[in-house]
């Protein structure tokens, strides 16, 4: 789902593609991307992720994306590699998304 949000932000011009098709953003922008993903699609996440506090969720997802070599820390920035923008998940038809409080 993060890949979908990343593509939306690149398409809207909010994030800029580098020559190698990667995206470099600040840690705070990356944290915001993950939080937006959580708010938008969180009701479809497994219970473990839904119950995590924000910092715990960020650390878990960041570690996972780093392990898969989809993101990389570079000083104060996060380099998002092209593969993450190419992976787009979809929920089944009829899934409305949003946070649990909205439903």
N, C-alpha and C. Protein backbone atom coordinates (compact mmCIF):
# COMPACT_ATOMS: atom_id res chain seq x y z
N UNK A 1 0.81 -1.19 0.00
CA UNK A 1 0.00 0.00 0.00
C UNK A 1 0.86 1.26 0.00
N UNK A 2 2.05 1.16 0.61
CA UNK A 2 2.95 2.31 0.60
C UNK A 2 3.39 2.64 -0.82
N UNK A 3 3.54 1.61 -1.64
CA UNK A 3 3.91 1.82 -3.03
C UNK A 3 2.87 2.64 -3.77
N UNK A 4 1.61 2.38 -3.48
CA UNK A 4 0.52 3.13 -4.11
C UNK A 4 0.58 4.59 -3.71
N UNK A 5 0.76 4.87 -2.43
CA UNK A 5 0.86 6.26 -1.97
C UNK A 5 2.08 6.94 -2.55
N UNK A 6 3.18 6.23 -2.63
CA UNK A 6 4.40 6.79 -3.21
C UNK A 6 4.15 7.20 -4.65
N UNK A 7 3.52 6.33 -5.42
CA UNK A 7 3.22 6.65 -6.82
C UNK A 7 2.33 7.88 -6.93
N UNK A 8 1.32 7.97 -6.06
CA UNK A 8 0.43 9.12 -6.07
C UNK A 8 1.21 10.41 -5.81
N UNK A 9 2.12 10.37 -4.86
CA UNK A 9 2.89 11.56 -4.52
C UNK A 9 3.88 11.94 -5.62
N UNK A 10 4.44 10.96 -6.30
CA UNK A 10 5.33 11.25 -7.43
C UNK A 10 4.49 11.83 -8.58
N UNK A 11 3.36 11.22 -8.87
CA UNK A 11 2.50 11.69 -9.96
C UNK A 11 1.98 13.10 -9.73
N UNK A 12 1.73 13.45 -8.46
CA UNK A 12 1.22 14.79 -8.14
C UNK A 12 2.34 15.83 -8.07
N UNK A 13 3.59 15.38 -8.10
CA UNK A 13 4.72 16.31 -8.03
C UNK A 13 5.20 16.59 -6.62
N UNK A 14 4.56 15.99 -5.64
CA UNK A 14 4.98 16.19 -4.25
C UNK A 14 6.36 15.60 -3.99
N UNK A 15 6.64 14.44 -4.60
CA UNK A 15 7.96 13.82 -4.52
C UNK A 15 8.55 13.81 -5.93
N UNK A 16 9.86 13.99 -5.99
CA UNK A 16 10.53 14.07 -7.28
C UNK A 16 11.39 12.82 -7.52
N UNK A 17 11.25 12.24 -8.71
CA UNK A 17 12.08 11.10 -9.08
C UNK A 17 13.48 11.58 -9.41
N UNK A 18 14.47 10.84 -8.96
CA UNK A 18 15.85 11.12 -9.33
C UNK A 18 16.14 10.43 -10.66
N UNK A 19 17.31 10.66 -11.21
CA UNK A 19 17.68 10.07 -12.50
C UNK A 19 17.59 8.55 -12.50
N UNK A 20 17.88 7.92 -11.38
CA UNK A 20 17.83 6.46 -11.30
C UNK A 20 16.46 5.94 -10.87
N UNK A 21 15.45 6.81 -10.91
CA UNK A 21 14.06 6.50 -10.56
C UNK A 21 13.83 6.24 -9.08
N UNK A 22 14.78 6.58 -8.25
CA UNK A 22 14.57 6.49 -6.80
C UNK A 22 14.00 7.83 -6.33
N UNK A 23 13.55 7.84 -5.09
CA UNK A 23 13.00 9.05 -4.48
C UNK A 23 13.73 9.27 -3.16
N UNK A 24 14.24 10.48 -2.96
CA UNK A 24 14.91 10.83 -1.71
C UNK A 24 14.02 11.84 -0.98
N UNK A 25 13.64 11.45 0.26
CA UNK A 25 12.82 12.34 1.07
C UNK A 25 13.39 12.38 2.49
N UNK A 26 12.97 13.36 3.25
CA UNK A 26 13.43 13.47 4.63
C UNK A 26 12.82 12.35 5.47
N UNK A 27 13.43 12.10 6.62
CA UNK A 27 12.88 11.09 7.54
C UNK A 27 11.45 11.44 7.94
N UNK A 28 11.22 12.71 8.18
CA UNK A 28 9.88 13.14 8.60
C UNK A 28 8.87 12.92 7.49
N UNK A 29 9.26 13.19 6.25
CA UNK A 29 8.35 12.94 5.12
C UNK A 29 8.07 11.44 4.99
N UNK A 30 9.10 10.61 5.21
CA UNK A 30 8.91 9.17 5.13
C UNK A 30 8.00 8.69 6.25
N UNK A 31 8.22 9.23 7.44
CA UNK A 31 7.36 8.90 8.58
C UNK A 31 5.91 9.28 8.26
N UNK A 32 5.74 10.44 7.65
CA UNK A 32 4.41 10.89 7.25
C UNK A 32 3.78 9.97 6.20
N UNK A 33 4.60 9.48 5.27
CA UNK A 33 4.11 8.55 4.25
C UNK A 33 3.59 7.27 4.90
N UNK A 34 4.35 6.74 5.84
CA UNK A 34 3.92 5.51 6.52
C UNK A 34 2.67 5.75 7.37
N UNK A 35 2.61 6.91 8.02
CA UNK A 35 1.44 7.22 8.84
C UNK A 35 0.20 7.40 7.96
N UNK A 36 0.36 8.05 6.82
CA UNK A 36 -0.76 8.20 5.89
C UNK A 36 -1.22 6.84 5.39
N UNK A 37 -0.28 5.97 5.10
CA UNK A 37 -0.60 4.60 4.67
C UNK A 37 -1.41 3.89 5.76
N UNK A 38 -0.96 4.04 6.98
CA UNK A 38 -1.65 3.40 8.11
C UNK A 38 -3.06 3.94 8.29
N UNK A 39 -3.23 5.25 8.18
CA UNK A 39 -4.56 5.85 8.34
C UNK A 39 -5.49 5.45 7.19
N UNK A 40 -4.95 5.42 6.01
CA UNK A 40 -5.77 5.15 4.83
C UNK A 40 -6.14 3.67 4.68
N UNK A 41 -5.22 2.79 5.02
CA UNK A 41 -5.43 1.37 4.77
C UNK A 41 -5.40 0.51 6.03
N UNK A 42 -5.29 1.15 7.20
CA UNK A 42 -5.07 0.43 8.45
C UNK A 42 -6.11 -0.59 8.82
N UNK A 43 -7.36 -0.38 8.42
CA UNK A 43 -8.38 -1.36 8.79
C UNK A 43 -8.17 -2.70 8.09
N UNK A 44 -7.36 -2.70 7.04
CA UNK A 44 -7.05 -3.94 6.34
C UNK A 44 -5.80 -4.63 6.86
N UNK A 45 -5.08 -3.98 7.78
CA UNK A 45 -3.86 -4.55 8.33
C UNK A 45 -4.19 -5.64 9.33
N UNK A 46 -3.21 -6.51 9.58
CA UNK A 46 -3.40 -7.50 10.64
C UNK A 46 -3.48 -6.78 11.98
N UNK A 47 -4.09 -7.42 12.93
CA UNK A 47 -4.34 -6.84 14.25
C UNK A 47 -3.05 -6.31 14.90
N UNK A 48 -1.95 -7.03 14.73
CA UNK A 48 -0.68 -6.61 15.33
C UNK A 48 -0.31 -5.20 14.92
N UNK A 49 -0.42 -4.89 13.63
CA UNK A 49 -0.08 -3.56 13.13
C UNK A 49 -1.10 -2.51 13.55
N UNK A 50 -2.36 -2.90 13.60
CA UNK A 50 -3.39 -1.94 14.00
C UNK A 50 -3.22 -1.50 15.44
N UNK A 51 -2.72 -2.39 16.29
CA UNK A 51 -2.60 -2.09 17.72
C UNK A 51 -1.29 -1.38 18.08
N UNK A 52 -0.35 -1.31 17.17
CA UNK A 52 0.94 -0.67 17.47
C UNK A 52 0.78 0.84 17.61
N UNK A 53 1.57 1.43 18.51
CA UNK A 53 1.63 2.88 18.57
C UNK A 53 2.42 3.36 17.36
N UNK A 54 2.32 4.62 17.03
CA UNK A 54 2.90 5.16 15.81
C UNK A 54 4.40 4.87 15.68
N UNK A 55 5.17 5.11 16.72
CA UNK A 55 6.62 4.91 16.64
C UNK A 55 6.96 3.44 16.43
N UNK A 56 6.25 2.56 17.11
CA UNK A 56 6.48 1.13 16.96
C UNK A 56 6.15 0.67 15.53
N UNK A 57 5.05 1.18 14.99
CA UNK A 57 4.67 0.86 13.61
C UNK A 57 5.75 1.33 12.64
N UNK A 58 6.20 2.56 12.82
CA UNK A 58 7.24 3.11 11.95
C UNK A 58 8.50 2.25 11.99
N UNK A 59 8.97 1.92 13.19
CA UNK A 59 10.19 1.13 13.33
C UNK A 59 10.05 -0.24 12.67
N UNK A 60 8.92 -0.87 12.86
CA UNK A 60 8.68 -2.20 12.31
C UNK A 60 8.66 -2.17 10.77
N UNK A 61 7.92 -1.25 10.21
CA UNK A 61 7.80 -1.18 8.75
C UNK A 61 9.12 -0.72 8.14
N UNK A 62 9.78 0.25 8.76
CA UNK A 62 11.06 0.71 8.24
C UNK A 62 12.09 -0.42 8.23
N UNK A 63 12.15 -1.20 9.31
CA UNK A 63 13.08 -2.32 9.39
C UNK A 63 12.77 -3.35 8.30
N UNK A 64 11.50 -3.62 8.09
CA UNK A 64 11.09 -4.59 7.08
C UNK A 64 11.47 -4.11 5.67
N UNK A 65 11.17 -2.85 5.37
CA UNK A 65 11.50 -2.30 4.05
C UNK A 65 13.01 -2.24 3.83
N UNK A 66 13.76 -1.98 4.89
CA UNK A 66 15.22 -1.96 4.81
C UNK A 66 15.75 -3.36 4.54
N UNK A 67 15.20 -4.34 5.25
CA UNK A 67 15.62 -5.73 5.07
C UNK A 67 15.37 -6.20 3.63
N UNK A 68 14.27 -5.74 3.04
CA UNK A 68 13.96 -6.10 1.66
C UNK A 68 14.73 -5.25 0.64
N UNK A 69 15.54 -4.32 1.16
CA UNK A 69 16.33 -3.39 0.34
C UNK A 69 15.45 -2.52 -0.56
N UNK A 70 14.30 -2.11 -0.02
CA UNK A 70 13.41 -1.20 -0.72
C UNK A 70 13.64 0.24 -0.30
N UNK A 71 14.21 0.42 0.89
CA UNK A 71 14.58 1.75 1.36
C UNK A 71 15.97 1.68 1.98
N UNK A 72 16.60 2.84 2.05
CA UNK A 72 17.96 2.91 2.60
C UNK A 72 18.13 4.25 3.31
N UNK A 73 18.72 4.20 4.49
CA UNK A 73 19.03 5.44 5.22
C UNK A 73 20.25 6.09 4.58
N UNK A 74 20.16 7.38 4.34
CA UNK A 74 21.30 8.13 3.84
C UNK A 74 21.35 9.46 4.59
N UNK A 75 22.21 9.49 5.59
CA UNK A 75 22.32 10.64 6.49
C UNK A 75 20.98 10.95 7.11
N UNK A 76 20.44 12.11 6.83
CA UNK A 76 19.14 12.50 7.40
C UNK A 76 17.97 12.18 6.48
N UNK A 77 18.26 11.59 5.33
CA UNK A 77 17.21 11.29 4.36
C UNK A 77 16.97 9.80 4.25
N UNK A 78 15.88 9.48 3.58
CA UNK A 78 15.55 8.10 3.25
C UNK A 78 15.53 8.01 1.73
N UNK A 79 16.26 7.06 1.19
CA UNK A 79 16.25 6.80 -0.25
C UNK A 79 15.28 5.66 -0.48
N UNK A 80 14.24 5.94 -1.25
CA UNK A 80 13.25 4.93 -1.60
C UNK A 80 13.61 4.40 -2.98
N UNK A 81 13.88 3.13 -3.04
CA UNK A 81 14.34 2.53 -4.28
C UNK A 81 13.17 2.29 -5.24
N UNK A 82 13.46 2.25 -6.53
CA UNK A 82 12.41 2.16 -7.55
C UNK A 82 11.44 0.99 -7.36
N UNK A 83 11.92 -0.12 -6.85
CA UNK A 83 11.05 -1.30 -6.71
C UNK A 83 9.84 -1.03 -5.82
N UNK A 84 9.98 -0.19 -4.79
CA UNK A 84 8.84 0.08 -3.91
C UNK A 84 7.72 0.77 -4.66
N UNK A 85 8.06 1.66 -5.57
CA UNK A 85 7.04 2.35 -6.36
C UNK A 85 6.38 1.46 -7.40
N UNK A 86 6.98 0.33 -7.65
CA UNK A 86 6.41 -0.60 -8.64
C UNK A 86 5.51 -1.66 -8.01
N UNK A 87 5.57 -1.75 -6.70
CA UNK A 87 4.76 -2.74 -5.99
C UNK A 87 3.51 -2.03 -5.46
N UNK A 88 2.39 -2.40 -6.00
CA UNK A 88 1.14 -1.77 -5.57
C UNK A 88 0.18 -2.86 -5.14
N UNK A 89 -0.24 -2.80 -3.89
CA UNK A 89 -1.21 -3.76 -3.38
C UNK A 89 -2.62 -3.23 -3.55
N UNK A 90 -3.54 -4.11 -3.58
CA UNK A 90 -4.95 -3.72 -3.68
C UNK A 90 -5.76 -4.58 -2.73
N UNK A 91 -6.74 -3.93 -2.08
CA UNK A 91 -7.67 -4.67 -1.25
C UNK A 91 -8.83 -5.14 -2.14
N UNK A 92 -9.57 -6.12 -1.67
CA UNK A 92 -10.70 -6.62 -2.46
C UNK A 92 -11.73 -5.52 -2.74
N UNK A 93 -12.46 -5.70 -3.82
CA UNK A 93 -13.52 -4.76 -4.16
C UNK A 93 -14.49 -4.66 -2.98
N UNK A 94 -14.90 -3.47 -2.67
CA UNK A 94 -15.81 -3.26 -1.55
C UNK A 94 -15.12 -2.81 -0.28
N UNK A 95 -13.77 -2.97 -0.21
CA UNK A 95 -13.04 -2.50 0.96
C UNK A 95 -12.96 -0.99 0.88
N UNK A 96 -13.42 -0.32 1.91
CA UNK A 96 -13.48 1.14 1.87
C UNK A 96 -12.25 1.81 2.45
N UNK A 97 -11.42 1.07 3.19
CA UNK A 97 -10.22 1.67 3.78
C UNK A 97 -10.57 2.62 4.90
N UNK A 98 -9.68 3.54 5.17
CA UNK A 98 -9.89 4.49 6.25
C UNK A 98 -9.54 3.91 7.60
N UNK A 99 -9.63 4.73 8.60
CA UNK A 99 -9.28 4.28 9.95
C UNK A 99 -10.48 3.60 10.60
N UNK A 100 -10.20 2.88 11.66
CA UNK A 100 -11.26 2.18 12.37
C UNK A 100 -12.29 3.16 12.92
N UNK A 101 -11.84 4.37 13.28
CA UNK A 101 -12.76 5.37 13.83
C UNK A 101 -13.74 5.89 12.81
N UNK A 102 -13.38 5.78 11.51
CA UNK A 102 -14.25 6.30 10.47
C UNK A 102 -15.35 5.32 10.10
N UNK A 103 -15.22 4.06 10.50
CA UNK A 103 -16.16 3.04 10.03
C UNK A 103 -17.26 2.79 11.02
